[in-house]
Amino acid sequence: MSDPEIRDDRAAGRLEAVAGGEVIGRVEYFVLDSPGRALVPVHTIVEPAHEGKGIAGALVRELYAIAGREDSAVVPLCPYVAKWAERHPEEAPPADQELWAAAKEWPAAHPGRF
């Protein structure tokens, strides 16, 4: 299998890995606009047939790249993204505490979103 295409479906809050016309992995996230701008991943999912191929890591790497291009932080509420960030500090700058606090409050204010 060649590397999957990674595309950002911002309206749906998903960064998707697509191969052969099929979504084989995704990071679900929301955009936080206050007190600063941040992408906040909450789930990382790779279809079982595609696990162990580096797809989740490629998705997270692209999420941080998008955040960098948009001058946004990443607040990794998703455990996988948080672990990835710990292992790749040169690619995953930490977000400030004010963003963390706002990101943790957002899901409760938007029930049913995730």
PDB file of N, CA and C in Angstrom:
ATOM      1  N   MET A   1       0.836  -1.171   0.000  1.00  0.00           N
ATOM      2  CA  MET A   1       0.000   0.000   0.000  1.00  0.00           C
ATOM      3  C   MET A   1       0.884   1.239   0.000  1.00  0.00           C
ATOM      4  N   SER A   2       0.545   2.202  -0.848  1.00  0.00           N
ATOM      5  CA  SER A   2       1.271   3.462  -0.846  1.00  0.00           C
ATOM      6  C   SER A   2       0.793   4.295   0.339  1.00  0.00           C
ATOM      7  N   ASP A   3       1.529   5.356   0.606  1.00  0.00           N
ATOM      8  CA  ASP A   3       1.137   6.223   1.709  1.00  0.00           C
ATOM      9  C   ASP A   3      -0.268   6.770   1.454  1.00  0.00           C
ATOM     10  N   PRO A   4      -1.072   6.792   2.496  1.00  0.00           N
ATOM     11  CA  PRO A   4      -2.420   7.330   2.307  1.00  0.00           C
ATOM     12  C   PRO A   4      -2.387   8.849   2.114  1.00  0.00           C
ATOM     13  N   GLU A   5      -3.400   9.351   1.457  1.00  0.00           N
ATOM     14  CA  GLU A   5      -3.599  10.797   1.348  1.00  0.00           C
ATOM     15  C   GLU A   5      -4.179  11.261   2.672  1.00  0.00           C
ATOM     16  N   ILE A   6      -3.681  12.364   3.185  1.00  0.00           N
ATOM     17  CA  ILE A   6      -4.229  12.918   4.416  1.00  0.00           C
ATOM     18  C   ILE A   6      -4.938  14.206   4.057  1.00  0.00           C
ATOM     19  N   ARG A   7      -6.215  14.274   4.450  1.00  0.00           N
ATOM     20  CA  ARG A   7      -6.997  15.466   4.132  1.00  0.00           C
ATOM     21  C   ARG A   7      -7.733  15.956   5.371  1.00  0.00           C
ATOM     22  N   ASP A   8      -7.875  17.271   5.418  1.00  0.00           N
ATOM     23  CA  ASP A   8      -8.515  17.929   6.554  1.00  0.00           C
ATOM     24  C   ASP A   8      -9.953  18.249   6.195  1.00  0.00           C
ATOM     25  N   ASP A   9     -10.892  17.615   6.873  1.00  0.00           N
ATOM     26  CA  ASP A   9     -12.308  17.929   6.717  1.00  0.00           C
ATOM     27  C   ASP A   9     -12.686  18.801   7.908  1.00  0.00           C
ATOM     28  N   ARG A  10     -12.321  20.067   7.842  1.00  0.00           N
ATOM     29  CA  ARG A  10     -12.491  20.989   8.967  1.00  0.00           C
ATOM     30  C   ARG A  10     -13.945  21.092   9.392  1.00  0.00           C
ATOM     31  N   ALA A  11     -14.856  21.138   8.429  1.00  0.00           N
ATOM     32  CA  ALA A  11     -16.280  21.277   8.758  1.00  0.00           C
ATOM     33  C   ALA A  11     -16.770  20.113   9.623  1.00  0.00           C
ATOM     34  N   ALA A  12     -16.250  18.918   9.375  1.00  0.00           N
ATOM     35  CA  ALA A  12     -16.657  17.741  10.149  1.00  0.00           C
ATOM     36  C   ALA A  12     -15.766  17.520  11.365  1.00  0.00           C
ATOM     37  N   GLY A  13     -14.652  18.272  11.465  1.00  0.00           N
ATOM     38  CA  GLY A  13     -13.737  18.095  12.589  1.00  0.00           C
ATOM     39  C   GLY A  13     -12.958  16.801  12.500  1.00  0.00           C
ATOM     40  N   ARG A  14     -12.518  16.473  11.284  1.00  0.00           N
ATOM     41  CA  ARG A  14     -11.760  15.225  11.095  1.00  0.00           C
ATOM     42  C   ARG A  14     -10.568  15.455  10.173  1.00  0.00           C
ATOM     43  N   LEU A  15      -9.454  14.917  10.568  1.00  0.00           N
ATOM     44  CA  LEU A  15      -8.295  14.796   9.707  1.00  0.00           C
ATOM     45  C   LEU A  15      -8.291  13.334   9.297  1.00  0.00           C
ATOM     46  N   GLU A  16      -8.383  13.067   7.987  1.00  0.00           N
ATOM     47  CA  GLU A  16      -8.587  11.694   7.517  1.00  0.00           C
ATOM     48  C   GLU A  16      -7.409  11.180   6.700  1.00  0.00           C
ATOM     49  N   ALA A  17      -7.103   9.907   6.882  1.00  0.00           N
ATOM     50  CA  ALA A  17      -6.158   9.191   6.038  1.00  0.00           C
ATOM     51  C   ALA A  17      -6.990   8.359   5.070  1.00  0.00           C
ATOM     52  N   VAL A  18      -6.770   8.579   3.777  1.00  0.00           N
ATOM     53  CA  VAL A  18      -7.581   7.932   2.745  1.00  0.00           C
ATOM     54  C   VAL A  18      -6.674   7.126   1.826  1.00  0.00           C
ATOM     55  N   ALA A  19      -7.068   5.883   1.581  1.00  0.00           N
ATOM     56  CA  ALA A  19      -6.353   5.011   0.640  1.00  0.00           C
ATOM     57  C   ALA A  19      -7.386   4.249  -0.169  1.00  0.00           C
ATOM     58  N   GLY A  20      -7.205   4.245  -1.469  1.00  0.00           N
ATOM     59  CA  GLY A  20      -8.147   3.528  -2.329  1.00  0.00           C
ATOM     60  C   GLY A  20      -9.566   4.040  -2.202  1.00  0.00           C
ATOM     61  N   GLY A  21      -9.729   5.325  -1.919  1.00  0.00           N
ATOM     62  CA  GLY A  21     -11.059   5.900  -1.781  1.00  0.00           C
ATOM     63  C   GLY A  21     -11.736   5.605  -0.452  1.00  0.00           C
ATOM     64  N   GLU A  22     -11.036   4.950   0.448  1.00  0.00           N
ATOM     65  CA  GLU A  22     -11.605   4.550   1.744  1.00  0.00           C
ATOM     66  C   GLU A  22     -10.889   5.278   2.877  1.00  0.00           C
ATOM     67  N   VAL A  23     -11.650   5.777   3.848  1.00  0.00           N
ATOM     68  CA  VAL A  23     -11.049   6.383   5.039  1.00  0.00           C
ATOM     69  C   VAL A  23     -10.546   5.237   5.919  1.00  0.00           C
ATOM     70  N   ILE A  24      -9.220   5.218   6.129  1.00  0.00           N
ATOM     71  CA  ILE A  24      -8.625   4.127   6.902  1.00  0.00           C
ATOM     72  C   ILE A  24      -8.164   4.569   8.284  1.00  0.00           C
ATOM     73  N   GLY A  25      -8.217   5.866   8.519  1.00  0.00           N
ATOM     74  CA  GLY A  25      -7.864   6.392   9.827  1.00  0.00           C
ATOM     75  C   GLY A  25      -8.296   7.837   9.929  1.00  0.00           C
ATOM     76  N   ARG A  26      -8.440   8.294  11.190  1.00  0.00           N
ATOM     77  CA  ARG A  26      -8.835   9.686  11.369  1.00  0.00           C
ATOM     78  C   ARG A  26      -8.473  10.170  12.766  1.00  0.00           C
ATOM     79  N   VAL A  27      -8.308  11.468  12.841  1.00  0.00           N
ATOM     80  CA  VAL A  27      -8.204  12.167  14.115  1.00  0.00           C
ATOM     81  C   VAL A  27      -9.414  13.082  14.173  1.00  0.00           C
ATOM     82  N   GLU A  28     -10.227  12.934  15.198  1.00  0.00           N
ATOM     83  CA  GLU A  28     -11.380  13.805  15.401  1.00  0.00           C
ATOM     84  C   GLU A  28     -10.932  14.939  16.312  1.00  0.00           C
ATOM     85  N   TYR A  29     -11.295  16.166  15.931  1.00  0.00           N
ATOM     86  CA  TYR A  29     -10.828  17.322  16.684  1.00  0.00           C
ATOM     87  C   TYR A  29     -11.847  18.451  16.620  1.00  0.00           C
ATOM     88  N   PHE A  30     -11.638  19.448  17.454  1.00  0.00           N
ATOM     89  CA  PHE A  30     -12.406  20.686  17.355  1.00  0.00           C
ATOM     90  C   PHE A  30     -11.425  21.848  17.364  1.00  0.00           C
ATOM     91  N   VAL A  31     -11.906  22.994  16.908  1.00  0.00           N
ATOM     92  CA  VAL A  31     -11.103  24.207  16.875  1.00  0.00           C
ATOM     93  C   VAL A  31     -11.547  25.092  18.025  1.00  0.00           C
ATOM     94  N   LEU A  32     -10.600  25.486  18.825  1.00  0.00           N
ATOM     95  CA  LEU A  32     -10.840  26.393  19.937  1.00  0.00           C
ATOM     96  C   LEU A  32     -10.396  27.785  19.487  1.00  0.00           C
ATOM     97  N   ASP A  33     -11.267  28.759  19.595  1.00  0.00           N
ATOM     98  CA  ASP A  33     -10.940  30.111  19.144  1.00  0.00           C
ATOM     99  C   ASP A  33     -10.706  31.105  20.277  1.00  0.00           C
ATOM    100  N   SER A  34     -10.950  30.700  21.495  1.00  0.00           N
ATOM    101  CA  SER A  34     -10.751  31.614  22.607  1.00  0.00           C
ATOM    102  C   SER A  34     -10.390  30.798  23.840  1.00  0.00           C
ATOM    103  N   PRO A  35      -9.408  31.153  24.573  1.00  0.00           N
ATOM    104  CA  PRO A  35      -8.699  32.411  24.698  1.00  0.00           C
ATOM    105  C   PRO A  35      -7.586  32.598  23.667  1.00  0.00           C
ATOM    106  N   GLY A  36      -7.327  31.617  22.879  1.00  0.00           N
ATOM    107  CA  GLY A  36      -6.359  31.668  21.794  1.00  0.00           C
ATOM    108  C   GLY A  36      -6.826  30.653  20.776  1.00  0.00           C
ATOM    109  N   ARG A  37      -6.047  30.435  19.751  1.00  0.00           N
ATOM    110  CA  ARG A  37      -6.460  29.480  18.718  1.00  0.00           C
ATOM    111  C   ARG A  37      -5.734  28.165  18.941  1.00  0.00           C
ATOM    112  N   ALA A  38      -6.512  27.065  18.895  1.00  0.00           N
ATOM    113  CA  ALA A  38      -5.925  25.742  19.077  1.00  0.00           C
ATOM    114  C   ALA A  38      -6.744  24.693  18.338  1.00  0.00           C
ATOM    115  N   LEU A  39      -6.057  23.676  17.863  1.00  0.00           N
ATOM    116  CA  LEU A  39      -6.693  22.460  17.369  1.00  0.00           C
ATOM    117  C   LEU A  39      -6.662  21.488  18.539  1.00  0.00           C
ATOM    118  N   VAL A  40      -7.806  20.872  18.818  1.00  0.00           N
ATOM    119  CA  VAL A  40      -7.912  20.013  20.004  1.00  0.00           C
ATOM    120  C   VAL A  40      -8.361  18.619  19.577  1.00  0.00           C
ATOM    121  N   PRO A  41      -7.403  17.697  19.395  1.00  0.00           N
ATOM    122  CA  PRO A  41      -7.775  16.329  19.034  1.00  0.00           C
ATOM    123  C   PRO A  41      -8.347  15.585  20.239  1.00  0.00           C
ATOM    124  N   VAL A  42      -9.434  14.831  19.980  1.00  0.00           N
ATOM    125  CA  VAL A  42     -10.082  14.091  21.059  1.00  0.00           C
ATOM    126  C   VAL A  42     -10.072  12.580  20.827  1.00  0.00           C
ATOM    127  N   HIS A  43      -9.977  12.135  19.579  1.00  0.00           N
ATOM    128  CA  HIS A  43      -9.943  10.700  19.276  1.00  0.00           C
ATOM    129  C   HIS A  43      -9.022  10.460  18.080  1.00  0.00           C
ATOM    130  N   THR A  44      -8.291   9.365  18.133  1.00  0.00           N
ATOM    131  CA  THR A  44      -7.519   8.894  16.982  1.00  0.00           C
ATOM    132  C   THR A  44      -7.967   7.463  16.725  1.00  0.00           C
ATOM    133  N   ILE A  45      -8.370   7.209  15.484  1.00  0.00           N
ATOM    134  CA  ILE A  45      -8.916   5.898  15.130  1.00  0.00           C
ATOM    135  C   ILE A  45      -8.257   5.428  13.837  1.00  0.00           C
ATOM    136  N   VAL A  46      -7.779   4.192  13.833  1.00  0.00           N
ATOM    137  CA  VAL A  46      -7.276   3.552  12.622  1.00  0.00           C
ATOM    138  C   VAL A  46      -8.041   2.249  12.462  1.00  0.00           C
ATOM    139  N   GLU A  47      -8.536   2.020  11.260  1.00  0.00           N
ATOM    140  CA  GLU A  47      -9.275   0.781  10.993  1.00  0.00           C
ATOM    141  C   GLU A  47      -8.369  -0.424  11.288  1.00  0.00           C
ATOM    142  N   PRO A  48      -8.914  -1.484  11.903  1.00  0.00           N
ATOM    143  CA  PRO A  48      -8.106  -2.625  12.333  1.00  0.00           C
ATOM    144  C   PRO A  48      -7.205  -3.210  11.243  1.00  0.00           C
ATOM    145  N   ALA A  49      -7.660  -3.283  10.019  1.00  0.00           N
ATOM    146  CA  ALA A  49      -6.849  -3.858   8.940  1.00  0.00           C
ATOM    147  C   ALA A  49      -5.633  -3.001   8.601  1.00  0.00           C
ATOM    148  N   HIS A  50      -5.584  -1.778   9.115  1.00  0.00           N
ATOM    149  CA  HIS A  50      -4.502  -0.858   8.780  1.00  0.00           C
ATOM    150  C   HIS A  50      -3.658  -0.456   9.981  1.00  0.00           C
ATOM    151  N   GLU A  51      -3.898  -1.081  11.122  1.00  0.00           N
ATOM    152  CA  GLU A  51      -3.124  -0.780  12.321  1.00  0.00           C
ATOM    153  C   GLU A  51      -1.673  -1.218  12.142  1.00  0.00           C
ATOM    154  N   GLY A  52      -0.784  -0.528  12.833  1.00  0.00           N
ATOM    155  CA  GLY A  52       0.631  -0.896  12.811  1.00  0.00           C
ATOM    156  C   GLY A  52       1.375  -0.446  11.571  1.00  0.00           C
ATOM    157  N   LYS A  53       0.789   0.431  10.786  1.00  0.00           N
ATOM    158  CA  LYS A  53       1.423   0.891   9.534  1.00  0.00           C
ATOM    159  C   LYS A  53       1.856   2.351   9.607  1.00  0.00           C
ATOM    160  N   GLY A  54       1.792   2.939  10.784  1.00  0.00           N
ATOM    161  CA  GLY A  54       2.220   4.322  10.946  1.00  0.00           C
ATOM    162  C   GLY A  54       1.181   5.362  10.564  1.00  0.00           C
ATOM    163  N   ILE A  55      -0.042   4.933  10.354  1.00  0.00           N
ATOM    164  CA  ILE A  55      -1.092   5.855   9.906  1.00  0.00           C
ATOM    165  C   ILE A  55      -1.442   6.857  11.003  1.00  0.00           C
ATOM    166  N   ALA A  56      -1.606   6.398  12.225  1.00  0.00           N
ATOM    167  CA  ALA A  56      -1.950   7.307  13.322  1.00  0.00           C
ATOM    168  C   ALA A  56      -0.854   8.354  13.502  1.00  0.00           C
ATOM    169  N   GLY A  57       0.387   7.932  13.463  1.00  0.00           N
ATOM    170  CA  GLY A  57       1.497   8.873  13.600  1.00  0.00           C
ATOM    171  C   GLY A  57       1.527   9.893  12.473  1.00  0.00           C
ATOM    172  N   ALA A  58       1.251   9.438  11.247  1.00  0.00           N
ATOM    173  CA  ALA A  58       1.222  10.361  10.106  1.00  0.00           C
ATOM    174  C   ALA A  58       0.100  11.377  10.263  1.00  0.00           C
ATOM    175  N   LEU A  59      -1.039  10.940  10.765  1.00  0.00           N
ATOM    176  CA  LEU A  59      -2.158  11.860  10.997  1.00  0.00           C
ATOM    177  C   LEU A  59      -1.793  12.915  12.040  1.00  0.00           C
ATOM    178  N   VAL A  60      -1.194  12.488  13.127  1.00  0.00           N
ATOM    179  CA  VAL A  60      -0.838  13.417  14.194  1.00  0.00           C
ATOM    180  C   VAL A  60       0.248  14.383  13.721  1.00  0.00           C
ATOM    181  N   ARG A  61       1.221  13.877  13.004  1.00  0.00           N
ATOM    182  CA  ARG A  61       2.277  14.745  12.464  1.00  0.00           C
ATOM    183  C   ARG A  61       1.657  15.831  11.574  1.00  0.00           C
ATOM    184  N   GLU A  62       0.700  15.452  10.737  1.00  0.00           N
ATOM    185  CA  GLU A  62       0.044  16.432   9.873  1.00  0.00           C
ATOM    186  C   GLU A  62      -0.809  17.403  10.681  1.00  0.00           C
ATOM    187  N   LEU A  63      -1.453  16.937  11.743  1.00  0.00           N
ATOM    188  CA  LEU A  63      -2.230  17.837  12.594  1.00  0.00           C
ATOM    189  C   LEU A  63      -1.328  18.928  13.161  1.00  0.00           C
ATOM    190  N   TYR A  64      -0.158  18.549  13.672  1.00  0.00           N
ATOM    191  CA  TYR A  64       0.775  19.551  14.191  1.00  0.00           C
ATOM    192  C   TYR A  64       1.301  20.454  13.080  1.00  0.00           C
ATOM    193  N   ALA A  65       1.494  19.917  11.887  1.00  0.00           N
ATOM    194  CA  ALA A  65       1.939  20.736  10.758  1.00  0.00           C
ATOM    195  C   ALA A  65       0.876  21.764  10.380  1.00  0.00           C
ATOM    196  N   ILE A  66      -0.379  21.340  10.350  1.00  0.00           N
ATOM    197  CA  ILE A  66      -1.474  22.267  10.059  1.00  0.00           C
ATOM    198  C   ILE A  66      -1.512  23.367  11.118  1.00  0.00           C
ATOM    199  N   ALA A  67      -1.420  22.981  12.373  1.00  0.00           N
ATOM    200  CA  ALA A  67      -1.434  23.963  13.459  1.00  0.00           C
ATOM    201  C   ALA A  67      -0.294  24.962  13.293  1.00  0.00           C
ATOM    202  N   GLY A  68       0.867  24.474  12.912  1.00  0.00           N
ATOM    203  CA  GLY A  68       2.002  25.366  12.695  1.00  0.00           C
ATOM    204  C   GLY A  68       1.751  26.349  11.562  1.00  0.00           C
ATOM    205  N   ARG A  69       1.190  25.855  10.471  1.00  0.00           N
ATOM    206  CA  ARG A  69       0.899  26.737   9.332  1.00  0.00           C
ATOM    207  C   ARG A  69      -0.161  27.778   9.679  1.00  0.00           C
ATOM    208  N   GLU A  70      -1.057  27.429  10.588  1.00  0.00           N
ATOM    209  CA  GLU A  70      -2.142  28.335  10.982  1.00  0.00           C
ATOM    210  C   GLU A  70      -1.803  29.156  12.225  1.00  0.00           C
ATOM    211  N   ASP A  71      -0.584  29.022  12.711  1.00  0.00           N
ATOM    212  CA  ASP A  71      -0.161  29.699  13.924  1.00  0.00           C
ATOM    213  C   ASP A  71      -1.108  29.382  15.088  1.00  0.00           C
ATOM    214  N   SER A  72      -1.457  28.103  15.195  1.00  0.00           N
ATOM    215  CA  SER A  72      -2.331  27.603  16.252  1.00  0.00           C
ATOM    216  C   SER A  72      -1.554  26.647  17.144  1.00  0.00           C
ATOM    217  N   ALA A  73      -2.025  26.485  18.340  1.00  0.00           N
ATOM    218  CA  ALA A  73      -1.484  25.476  19.246  1.00  0.00           C
ATOM    219  C   ALA A  73      -2.247  24.168  19.028  1.00  0.00           C
ATOM    220  N   VAL A  74      -1.734  23.104  19.606  1.00  0.00           N
ATOM    221  CA  VAL A  74      -2.455  21.832  19.679  1.00  0.00           C
ATOM    222  C   VAL A  74      -2.584  21.488  21.159  1.00  0.00           C
ATOM    223  N   VAL A  75      -3.806  21.187  21.567  1.00  0.00           N
ATOM    224  CA  VAL A  75      -4.073  20.756  22.942  1.00  0.00           C
ATOM    225  C   VAL A  75      -4.543  19.309  22.843  1.00  0.00           C
ATOM    226  N   PRO A  76      -3.646  18.351  23.072  1.00  0.00           N
ATOM    227  CA  PRO A  76      -3.984  16.942  22.837  1.00  0.00           C
ATOM    228  C   PRO A  76      -4.794  16.304  23.966  1.00  0.00           C
ATOM    229  N   LEU A  77      -6.127  16.390  23.859  1.00  0.00           N
ATOM    230  CA  LEU A  77      -6.980  15.679  24.816  1.00  0.00           C
ATOM    231  C   LEU A  77      -7.013  14.186  24.506  1.00  0.00           C
ATOM    232  N   CYS A  78      -6.728  13.822  23.270  1.00  0.00           N
ATOM    233  CA  CYS A  78      -6.661  12.414  22.869  1.00  0.00           C
ATOM    234  C   CYS A  78      -5.405  11.780  23.471  1.00  0.00           C
ATOM    235  N   PRO A  79      -5.538  10.666  24.176  1.00  0.00           N
ATOM    236  CA  PRO A  79      -4.367  10.029  24.786  1.00  0.00           C
ATOM    237  C   PRO A  79      -3.281   9.648  23.776  1.00  0.00           C
ATOM    238  N   TYR A  80      -3.672   9.170  22.596  1.00  0.00           N
ATOM    239  CA  TYR A  80      -2.660   8.803  21.593  1.00  0.00           C
ATOM    240  C   TYR A  80      -1.857  10.037  21.171  1.00  0.00           C
ATOM    241  N   VAL A  81      -2.548  11.125  20.894  1.00  0.00           N
ATOM    242  CA  VAL A  81      -1.860  12.346  20.463  1.00  0.00           C
ATOM    243  C   VAL A  81      -0.962  12.865  21.582  1.00  0.00           C
ATOM    244  N   ALA A  82      -1.417  12.786  22.820  1.00  0.00           N
ATOM    245  CA  ALA A  82      -0.607  13.233  23.953  1.00  0.00           C
ATOM    246  C   ALA A  82       0.683  12.417  24.057  1.00  0.00           C
ATOM    247  N   LYS A  83       0.583  11.098  23.902  1.00  0.00           N
ATOM    248  CA  LYS A  83       1.785  10.246  23.955  1.00  0.00           C
ATOM    249  C   LYS A  83       2.710  10.548  22.782  1.00  0.00           C
ATOM    250  N   TRP A  84       2.142  10.744  21.594  1.00  0.00           N
ATOM    251  CA  TRP A  84       2.942  11.076  20.418  1.00  0.00           C
ATOM    252  C   TRP A  84       3.703  12.372  20.665  1.00  0.00           C
ATOM    253  N   ALA A  85       3.026  13.367  21.225  1.00  0.00           N
ATOM    254  CA  ALA A  85       3.652  14.658  21.502  1.00  0.00           C
ATOM    255  C   ALA A  85       4.803  14.511  22.497  1.00  0.00           C
ATOM    256  N   GLU A  86       4.640  13.653  23.492  1.00  0.00           N
ATOM    257  CA  GLU A  86       5.720  13.405  24.460  1.00  0.00           C
ATOM    258  C   GLU A  86       6.946  12.820  23.767  1.00  0.00           C
ATOM    259  N   ARG A  87       6.709  11.935  22.787  1.00  0.00           N
ATOM    260  CA  ARG A  87       7.816  11.285  22.075  1.00  0.00           C
ATOM    261  C   ARG A  87       8.435  12.159  20.991  1.00  0.00           C
ATOM    262  N   HIS A  88       7.754  13.229  20.587  1.00  0.00           N
ATOM    263  CA  HIS A  88       8.228  14.090  19.495  1.00  0.00           C
ATOM    264  C   HIS A  88       8.175  15.569  19.906  1.00  0.00           C
ATOM    265  N   PRO A  89       8.849  15.943  20.973  1.00  0.00           N
ATOM    266  CA  PRO A  89       8.748  17.329  21.449  1.00  0.00           C
ATOM    267  C   PRO A  89       9.244  18.357  20.426  1.00  0.00           C
ATOM    268  N   GLU A  90      10.125  17.960  19.532  1.00  0.00           N
ATOM    269  CA  GLU A  90      10.622  18.893  18.521  1.00  0.00           C
ATOM    270  C   GLU A  90       9.552  19.243  17.478  1.00  0.00           C
ATOM    271  N   GLU A  91       8.528  18.406  17.365  1.00  0.00           N
ATOM    272  CA  GLU A  91       7.434  18.646  16.422  1.00  0.00           C
ATOM    273  C   GLU A  91       6.138  19.054  17.113  1.00  0.00           C
ATOM    274  N   ALA A  92       6.109  18.944  18.427  1.00  0.00           N
ATOM    275  CA  ALA A  92       4.861  19.127  19.169  1.00  0.00           C
ATOM    276  C   ALA A  92       5.058  20.095  20.336  1.00  0.00           C
ATOM    277  N   PRO A  93       5.096  21.401  20.037  1.00  0.00           N
ATOM    278  CA  PRO A  93       5.268  22.356  21.133  1.00  0.00           C
ATOM    279  C   PRO A  93       4.073  22.319  22.082  1.00  0.00           C
ATOM    280  N   PRO A  94       4.333  22.462  23.373  1.00  0.00           N
ATOM    281  CA  PRO A  94       3.238  22.407  24.343  1.00  0.00           C
ATOM    282  C   PRO A  94       2.356  23.655  24.276  1.00  0.00           C
ATOM    283  N   ALA A  95       1.094  23.464  24.593  1.00  0.00           N
ATOM    284  CA  ALA A  95       0.139  24.573  24.667  1.00  0.00           C
ATOM    285  C   ALA A  95       0.163  25.151  26.082  1.00  0.00           C
ATOM    286  N   ASP A  96      -0.216  26.408  26.195  1.00  0.00           N
ATOM    287  CA  ASP A  96      -0.209  27.024  27.520  1.00  0.00           C
ATOM    288  C   ASP A  96      -1.409  26.556  28.355  1.00  0.00           C
ATOM    289  N   GLN A  97      -1.330  26.798  29.639  1.00  0.00           N
ATOM    290  CA  GLN A  97      -2.338  26.299  30.584  1.00  0.00           C
ATOM    291  C   GLN A  97      -3.718  26.904  30.344  1.00  0.00           C
ATOM    292  N   GLU A  98      -3.777  28.140  29.908  1.00  0.00           N
ATOM    293  CA  GLU A  98      -5.071  28.769  29.643  1.00  0.00           C
ATOM    294  C   GLU A  98      -5.803  28.038  28.511  1.00  0.00           C
ATOM    295  N   LEU A  99      -5.074  27.652  27.474  1.00  0.00           N
ATOM    296  CA  LEU A  99      -5.672  26.874  26.382  1.00  0.00           C
ATOM    297  C   LEU A  99      -6.119  25.505  26.871  1.00  0.00           C
ATOM    298  N   TRP A 100      -5.297  24.870  27.714  1.00  0.00           N
ATOM    299  CA  TRP A 100      -5.671  23.563  28.269  1.00  0.00           C
ATOM    300  C   TRP A 100      -6.988  23.659  29.033  1.00  0.00           C
ATOM    301  N   ALA A 101      -7.102  24.674  29.869  1.00  0.00           N
ATOM    302  CA  ALA A 101      -8.320  24.818  30.681  1.00  0.00           C
ATOM    303  C   ALA A 101      -9.545  25.012  29.781  1.00  0.00           C
ATOM    304  N   ALA A 102      -9.419  25.867  28.775  1.00  0.00           N
ATOM    305  CA  ALA A 102     -10.545  26.117  27.865  1.00  0.00           C
ATOM    306  C   ALA A 102     -10.884  24.870  27.056  1.00  0.00           C
ATOM    307  N   ALA A 103      -9.873  24.142  26.617  1.00  0.00           N
ATOM    308  CA  ALA A 103     -10.106  22.928  25.820  1.00  0.00           C
ATOM    309  C   ALA A 103     -10.826  21.864  26.639  1.00  0.00           C
ATOM    310  N   LYS A 104     -10.481  21.741  27.894  1.00  0.00           N
ATOM    311  CA  LYS A 104     -11.131  20.738  28.747  1.00  0.00           C
ATOM    312  C   LYS A 104     -12.593  21.084  29.017  1.00  0.00           C
ATOM    313  N   GLU A 105     -12.927  22.367  28.995  1.00  0.00           N
ATOM    314  CA  GLU A 105     -14.308  22.787  29.238  1.00  0.00           C
ATOM    315  C   GLU A 105     -15.188  22.642  27.996  1.00  0.00           C
ATOM    316  N   TRP A 106     -14.604  22.721  26.815  1.00  0.00           N
ATOM    317  CA  TRP A 106     -15.363  22.750  25.565  1.00  0.00           C
ATOM    318  C   TRP A 106     -16.274  21.532  25.373  1.00  0.00           C
ATOM    319  N   PRO A 107     -15.815  20.302  25.571  1.00  0.00           N
ATOM    320  CA  PRO A 107     -16.709  19.152  25.338  1.00  0.00           C
ATOM    321  C   PRO A 107     -17.965  19.165  26.225  1.00  0.00           C
ATOM    322  N   ALA A 108     -17.829  19.622  27.458  1.00  0.00           N
ATOM    323  CA  ALA A 108     -19.004  19.686  28.330  1.00  0.00           C
ATOM    324  C   ALA A 108     -20.009  20.723  27.842  1.00  0.00           C
ATOM    325  N   ALA A 109     -19.507  21.780  27.219  1.00  0.00           N
ATOM    326  CA  ALA A 109     -20.385  22.820  26.687  1.00  0.00           C
ATOM    327  C   ALA A 109     -21.002  22.441  25.341  1.00  0.00           C
ATOM    328  N   HIS A 110     -20.507  21.365  24.751  1.00  0.00           N
ATOM    329  CA  HIS A 110     -21.008  20.912  23.439  1.00  0.00           C
ATOM    330  C   HIS A 110     -21.329  19.413  23.494  1.00  0.00           C
ATOM    331  N   PRO A 111     -22.290  19.011  24.328  1.00  0.00           N
ATOM    332  CA  PRO A 111     -22.593  17.579  24.486  1.00  0.00           C
ATOM    333  C   PRO A 111     -23.051  16.953  23.171  1.00  0.00           C
ATOM    334  N   GLY A 112     -22.668  15.716  22.998  1.00  0.00           N
ATOM    335  CA  GLY A 112     -23.051  14.989  21.804  1.00  0.00           C
ATOM    336  C   GLY A 112     -22.131  15.202  20.623  1.00  0.00           C
ATOM    337  N   ARG A 113     -21.176  16.102  20.720  1.00  0.00           N
ATOM    338  CA  ARG A 113     -20.252  16.370  19.606  1.00  0.00           C
ATOM    339  C   ARG A 113     -19.263  15.218  19.445  1.00  0.00           C
ATOM    340  N   PHE A 114     -18.796  14.678  20.575  1.00  0.00           N
ATOM    341  CA  PHE A 114     -17.834  13.566  20.497  1.00  0.00           C
ATOM    342  C   PHE A 114     -18.296  12.422  21.373  1.00  0.00           C
TER     343      PHE A 114
END
